[in-house]
């Protein structure tokens, strides 16, 4: 059951981030899931671990703050991918 929640939350986070960053038409559902999951891990590590923002440790969880910080991490990931010319 945990894997299903992980995939669903990752898909929502990846879709929201790709919509905000205008890359939704360039990536499919699998890319949205991957960006959502990796972006959540990045957001939790960067904002929760490195910068010490308390609620950021919940990035990627099924909560309001978890989704917010997951989207922020996914936006950072998409920005890095854009800088590397993976997305236009």
Protein backbone atom coordinates (compact mmCIF):
# COMPACT_ATOMS: atom_id res chain seq x y z
CA UNK A 1 0.00 0.00 0.00
CA UNK A 2 2.91 2.36 0.72
CA UNK A 3 4.17 2.06 -2.86
CA UNK A 4 0.80 3.04 -4.26
CA UNK A 5 0.67 6.15 -2.06
CA UNK A 6 4.26 6.97 -3.03
CA UNK A 7 3.42 6.78 -6.73
CA UNK A 8 0.19 8.76 -6.40
CA UNK A 9 1.73 11.53 -4.27
CA UNK A 10 4.76 11.62 -6.58
CA UNK A 11 2.48 11.96 -9.60
CA UNK A 12 0.55 14.85 -8.04
CA UNK A 13 3.74 16.63 -6.94
CA UNK A 14 5.42 16.11 -10.33
CA UNK A 15 2.33 17.30 -12.21
CA UNK A 16 1.97 20.44 -10.07
CA UNK A 17 5.67 21.29 -10.42
CA UNK A 18 5.69 20.69 -14.18
CA UNK A 19 2.58 22.84 -14.59
CA UNK A 20 4.20 25.68 -12.63
CA UNK A 21 7.45 25.39 -14.59
CA UNK A 22 5.69 25.03 -18.00
CA UNK A 23 7.22 21.63 -18.79
CA UNK A 24 4.02 19.59 -18.56
CA UNK A 25 3.71 19.14 -22.34
CA UNK A 26 7.31 17.94 -22.63
CA UNK A 27 7.07 15.09 -20.14
CA UNK A 28 4.70 12.22 -19.65
CA UNK A 29 3.15 10.56 -16.64
CA UNK A 30 6.23 8.49 -15.78
CA UNK A 31 8.44 11.59 -15.85
CA UNK A 32 5.96 13.40 -13.59
CA UNK A 33 6.09 10.52 -11.09
CA UNK A 34 9.90 10.37 -11.20
CA UNK A 35 10.28 14.14 -10.84
CA UNK A 36 7.75 14.15 -8.00
CA UNK A 37 9.54 11.42 -6.05
CA UNK A 38 13.09 12.69 -6.67
CA UNK A 39 11.99 16.30 -6.13
CA UNK A 40 10.44 15.35 -2.79
CA UNK A 41 13.66 13.68 -1.70
CA UNK A 42 15.62 16.74 -2.84
CA UNK A 43 13.24 19.10 -1.03
CA UNK A 44 13.41 17.09 2.18
CA UNK A 45 17.20 16.93 2.06
CA UNK A 46 17.89 20.50 0.92
CA UNK A 47 15.28 22.44 2.86
CA UNK A 48 14.86 20.09 5.83
CA UNK A 49 18.35 18.69 6.28
CA UNK A 50 20.70 21.38 4.99
CA UNK A 51 18.72 24.57 5.68
CA UNK A 52 16.96 23.21 8.78
CA UNK A 53 13.43 24.31 7.90
CA UNK A 54 11.33 22.24 10.29
CA UNK A 55 8.30 21.39 8.18
CA UNK A 56 10.40 20.58 5.09
CA UNK A 57 11.31 17.18 6.51
CA UNK A 58 7.78 16.08 5.62
CA UNK A 59 8.35 16.63 1.88
CA UNK A 60 6.58 14.01 -0.17
CA UNK A 61 4.25 12.81 2.57
CA UNK A 62 0.49 12.80 2.26
CA UNK A 63 -0.06 16.09 4.07
CA UNK A 64 -0.42 19.71 3.03
CA UNK A 65 3.14 20.63 4.04
CA UNK A 66 4.48 17.42 2.56
CA UNK A 67 3.01 18.25 -0.82
CA UNK A 68 4.05 21.92 -0.64
CA UNK A 69 7.69 21.09 0.14
CA UNK A 70 7.64 18.25 -2.39
CA UNK A 71 6.49 20.67 -5.09
CA UNK A 72 9.19 23.16 -4.08
CA UNK A 73 11.83 20.41 -4.32
CA UNK A 74 10.46 19.27 -7.69
CA UNK A 75 10.56 22.87 -8.96
CA UNK A 76 14.23 23.07 -7.96
CA UNK A 77 14.85 19.77 -9.77
CA UNK A 78 13.09 20.98 -12.95
CA UNK A 79 15.07 24.24 -12.80
CA UNK A 80 18.29 22.20 -12.62
CA UNK A 81 17.15 20.05 -15.53
CA UNK A 82 16.31 23.17 -17.53
CA UNK A 83 19.76 24.57 -16.80
CA UNK A 84 21.25 21.33 -18.13
CA UNK A 85 19.07 21.69 -21.26
CA UNK A 86 17.04 18.53 -20.56
CA UNK A 87 13.85 20.60 -20.83
CA UNK A 88 13.32 23.67 -22.97
